[in-house]
Each structure stands twice: as C-alpha cells, then as structure tokens.
C-alpha cells in the first residue's frame, strides 16, 4: 500500500510519524516499503562526489547509501524520475547533475544501469 511521504528541511513524515534525516531533503519517495531520500548536495564537501541518495526503513533507520555513476567532483543525484522511467519493482530511476539517468536497486543502493540523457 502506498504511503504519503512529506519532508521539510531534514524532517521526514511518513504514515503520520516524523523523524530527522540529519540533512536537508530535496526529494523523497516511498517505494516497496522503503523511504528513499535525496539530500541537498550543497551539504557535502565541495569538489567531491556527494553520495546523497540514501535508503531508509519507515522508522528512519538508514539501510544504505547509493553508489554514484562517476567519481568526478561535484557529482550528485538531483531528483527521482517519473514512474514511466522506472525499470522495475525493486529499482528506482534517478537523475544526476551530469545528465545521467541511473537505475538504483532499492534493496542495496547498487547501480543497476546508467544511461546518458540527451
């Protein structure tokens, strides 16, 4: 069953329960029992990869930090992409600053597929 997820700054609310994610959230998604959060990449050190996509339990327990498609400075995820771009039940499509569409396994945070968007 789909649950409503909202966020303001670092506070995430899902199913009427709130918790502090520790950093400002810019996008959030509830999928298959997972809370997926993209954090503001400006909260990470400059000139380094911002590993800013994380998976959480409904109670706010961090389960994984996603891999990024490149190791270039200032690499970061920006948004969850529409449902029609999703490749499977256990994956999520995410856009990044470099113009890639990344499919990430929501159970592990591992990259499944990376495609450059034209």
C-alpha atoms as a PDB file:
ATOM      1  CA  UNK A   1       0.000   0.000   0.000  1.00  0.00           C
ATOM      2  CA  UNK A   2       1.333   3.449  -0.939  1.00  0.00           C
ATOM      3  CA  UNK A   3       2.008   5.793   1.935  1.00  0.00           C
ATOM      4  CA  UNK A   4       2.135   9.542   1.914  1.00  0.00           C
ATOM      5  CA  UNK A   5       5.613  10.943   2.437  1.00  0.00           C
ATOM      6  CA  UNK A   6       6.412  14.594   3.047  1.00  0.00           C
ATOM      7  CA  UNK A   7       9.528  16.475   4.042  1.00  0.00           C
ATOM      8  CA  UNK A   8      10.561  19.894   5.241  1.00  0.00           C
ATOM      9  CA  UNK A   9      14.258  20.660   5.671  1.00  0.00           C
ATOM     10  CA  UNK A  10      15.566  17.488   7.369  1.00  0.00           C
ATOM     11  CA  UNK A  11      12.233  16.308   8.833  1.00  0.00           C
ATOM     12  CA  UNK A  12      10.594  13.386   7.043  1.00  0.00           C
ATOM     13  CA  UNK A  13       6.985  12.409   7.759  1.00  0.00           C
ATOM     14  CA  UNK A  14       5.508   9.115   6.617  1.00  0.00           C
ATOM     15  CA  UNK A  15       2.349   7.427   7.824  1.00  0.00           C
ATOM     16  CA  UNK A  16       1.843  10.127  10.461  1.00  0.00           C
ATOM     17  CA  UNK A  17       5.266   9.531  12.025  1.00  0.00           C
ATOM     18  CA  UNK A  18       8.159  12.009  11.725  1.00  0.00           C
ATOM     19  CA  UNK A  19      11.925  11.641  12.096  1.00  0.00           C
ATOM     20  CA  UNK A  20      15.012  13.748  11.469  1.00  0.00           C
ATOM     21  CA  UNK A  21      17.073  12.615   8.477  1.00  0.00           C
ATOM     22  CA  UNK A  22      20.084  14.678   9.544  1.00  0.00           C
ATOM     23  CA  UNK A  23      20.413  16.774   6.361  1.00  0.00           C
ATOM     24  CA  UNK A  24      18.025  18.852   4.232  1.00  0.00           C
ATOM     25  CA  UNK A  25      15.966  16.677   1.866  1.00  0.00           C
ATOM     26  CA  UNK A  26      15.290  17.811  -1.723  1.00  0.00           C
ATOM     27  CA  UNK A  27      13.269  14.807  -2.926  1.00  0.00           C
ATOM     28  CA  UNK A  28      11.618  11.808  -1.279  1.00  0.00           C
ATOM     29  CA  UNK A  29       9.910   8.658  -2.464  1.00  0.00           C
ATOM     30  CA  UNK A  30       8.122   5.757  -0.781  1.00  0.00           C
ATOM     31  CA  UNK A  31       8.572   2.542  -2.762  1.00  0.00           C
ATOM     32  CA  UNK A  32       8.080  -1.092  -1.727  1.00  0.00           C
ATOM     33  CA  UNK A  33       8.405  -0.390   1.970  1.00  0.00           C
ATOM     34  CA  UNK A  34      11.474   1.817   1.538  1.00  0.00           C
ATOM     35  CA  UNK A  35      11.914   5.524   2.187  1.00  0.00           C
ATOM     36  CA  UNK A  36      14.242   6.901  -0.477  1.00  0.00           C
ATOM     37  CA  UNK A  37      15.753  10.325   0.124  1.00  0.00           C
ATOM     38  CA  UNK A  38      17.865  12.650  -1.986  1.00  0.00           C
ATOM     39  CA  UNK A  39      19.704  15.148   0.184  1.00  0.00           C
ATOM     40  CA  UNK A  40      20.785  18.671  -0.754  1.00  0.00           C
ATOM     41  CA  UNK A  41      24.182  18.182  -2.394  1.00  0.00           C
ATOM     42  CA  UNK A  42      25.286  21.594  -1.071  1.00  0.00           C
ATOM     43  CA  UNK A  43      25.578  19.901   2.367  1.00  0.00           C
ATOM     44  CA  UNK A  44      28.524  17.804   1.153  1.00  0.00           C
ATOM     45  CA  UNK A  45      32.190  18.815   0.734  1.00  0.00           C
ATOM     46  CA  UNK A  46      32.991  20.812  -2.412  1.00  0.00           C
ATOM     47  CA  UNK A  47      34.848  19.138  -5.270  1.00  0.00           C
ATOM     48  CA  UNK A  48      33.924  15.636  -4.125  1.00  0.00           C
ATOM     49  CA  UNK A  49      31.211  13.169  -5.032  1.00  0.00           C
ATOM     50  CA  UNK A  50      28.083  13.807  -2.971  1.00  0.00           C
ATOM     51  CA  UNK A  51      26.732  10.381  -2.056  1.00  0.00           C
ATOM     52  CA  UNK A  52      23.351  11.985  -1.437  1.00  0.00           C
ATOM     53  CA  UNK A  53      20.850   9.200  -2.219  1.00  0.00           C
ATOM     54  CA  UNK A  54      20.055   7.032   0.785  1.00  0.00           C
ATOM     55  CA  UNK A  55      17.547   4.306   1.610  1.00  0.00           C
ATOM     56  CA  UNK A  56      15.780   4.148   4.967  1.00  0.00           C
ATOM     57  CA  UNK A  57      13.274   1.995   6.792  1.00  0.00           C
ATOM     58  CA  UNK A  58       9.908   3.564   7.580  1.00  0.00           C
ATOM     59  CA  UNK A  59      11.235   4.253  11.099  1.00  0.00           C
ATOM     60  CA  UNK A  60      14.222   6.253   9.861  1.00  0.00           C
ATOM     61  CA  UNK A  61      16.941   3.599  10.090  1.00  0.00           C
ATOM     62  CA  UNK A  62      19.478   4.145   7.296  1.00  0.00           C
ATOM     63  CA  UNK A  63      19.865   0.933   5.303  1.00  0.00           C
ATOM     64  CA  UNK A  64      22.250   2.013   2.536  1.00  0.00           C
ATOM     65  CA  UNK A  65      23.949   4.882   0.698  1.00  0.00           C
ATOM     66  CA  UNK A  66      23.708   4.617  -3.086  1.00  0.00           C
ATOM     67  CA  UNK A  67      26.613   4.319  -5.465  1.00  0.00           C
ATOM     68  CA  UNK A  68      27.147   7.266  -7.827  1.00  0.00           C
ATOM     69  CA  UNK A  69      27.688   6.812 -11.583  1.00  0.00           C
ATOM     70  CA  UNK A  70      31.008   8.697 -11.637  1.00  0.00           C
ATOM     71  CA  UNK A  71      33.752   9.738  -9.239  1.00  0.00           C
ATOM     72  CA  UNK A  72      34.032  13.229 -10.711  1.00  0.00           C
ATOM     73  CA  UNK A  73      33.948  16.239  -8.379  1.00  0.00           C
ATOM     74  CA  UNK A  74      30.522  17.714  -7.695  1.00  0.00           C
ATOM     75  CA  UNK A  75      28.677  14.541  -8.780  1.00  0.00           C
ATOM     76  CA  UNK A  76      25.279  14.280  -7.085  1.00  0.00           C
ATOM     77  CA  UNK A  77      21.740  12.996  -7.515  1.00  0.00           C
ATOM     78  CA  UNK A  78      19.066  15.633  -8.157  1.00  0.00           C
ATOM     79  CA  UNK A  79      15.623  14.043  -8.491  1.00  0.00           C
ATOM     80  CA  UNK A  80      13.538  10.903  -8.715  1.00  0.00           C
ATOM     81  CA  UNK A  81      12.318  10.444 -12.284  1.00  0.00           C
ATOM     82  CA  UNK A  82       8.701   9.740 -13.304  1.00  0.00           C
ATOM     83  CA  UNK A  83       7.169   6.290 -12.902  1.00  0.00           C
ATOM     84  CA  UNK A  84       7.247   5.653 -16.649  1.00  0.00           C
ATOM     85  CA  UNK A  85      11.062   5.693 -16.492  1.00  0.00           C
ATOM     86  CA  UNK A  86      11.220   3.118 -13.703  1.00  0.00           C
ATOM     87  CA  UNK A  87      12.763  -0.152 -14.777  1.00  0.00           C
ATOM     88  CA  UNK A  88      11.414  -2.487 -12.139  1.00  0.00           C
ATOM     89  CA  UNK A  89       9.746  -3.125  -8.817  1.00  0.00           C
ATOM     90  CA  UNK A  90      12.987  -3.140  -6.834  1.00  0.00           C
ATOM     91  CA  UNK A  91      14.669  -0.252  -8.653  1.00  0.00           C
ATOM     92  CA  UNK A  92      14.259   3.495  -8.848  1.00  0.00           C
ATOM     93  CA  UNK A  93      15.262   5.883 -11.640  1.00  0.00           C
ATOM     94  CA  UNK A  94      17.175   8.936 -10.509  1.00  0.00           C
ATOM     95  CA  UNK A  95      18.616  11.905 -12.391  1.00  0.00           C
ATOM     96  CA  UNK A  96      22.000  13.414 -11.589  1.00  0.00           C
ATOM     97  CA  UNK A  97      23.910  16.644 -12.215  1.00  0.00           C
ATOM     98  CA  UNK A  98      25.947  15.149 -15.067  1.00  0.00           C
ATOM     99  CA  UNK A  99      22.843  14.284 -17.106  1.00  0.00           C
ATOM    100  CA  UNK A 100      22.671  10.568 -16.378  1.00  0.00           C
ATOM    101  CA  UNK A 101      19.567   8.503 -15.684  1.00  0.00           C
ATOM    102  CA  UNK A 102      20.573   5.985 -13.045  1.00  0.00           C
ATOM    103  CA  UNK A 103      18.641   2.877 -12.056  1.00  0.00           C
ATOM    104  CA  UNK A 104      19.408   2.014  -8.449  1.00  0.00           C
ATOM    105  CA  UNK A 105      18.478  -1.199  -6.632  1.00  0.00           C
ATOM    106  CA  UNK A 106      16.340  -0.055  -3.693  1.00  0.00           C
ATOM    107  CA  UNK A 107      17.307  -3.023  -1.533  1.00  0.00           C
ATOM    108  CA  UNK A 108      21.082  -2.425  -1.733  1.00  0.00           C
ATOM    109  CA  UNK A 109      21.803   1.038  -3.200  1.00  0.00           C
ATOM    110  CA  UNK A 110      23.839  -0.541  -6.017  1.00  0.00           C
ATOM    111  CA  UNK A 111      23.730   0.926  -9.525  1.00  0.00           C
ATOM    112  CA  UNK A 112      21.927  -1.363 -11.977  1.00  0.00           C
ATOM    113  CA  UNK A 113      22.095   0.744 -15.135  1.00  0.00           C
ATOM    114  CA  UNK A 114      23.366   4.195 -16.179  1.00  0.00           C
ATOM    115  CA  UNK A 115      22.291   5.981 -19.377  1.00  0.00           C
ATOM    116  CA  UNK A 116      23.273   9.470 -20.510  1.00  0.00           C
ATOM    117  CA  UNK A 117      20.192  11.654 -21.154  1.00  0.00           C
ATOM    118  CA  UNK A 118      20.297  13.628 -24.415  1.00  0.00           C
END
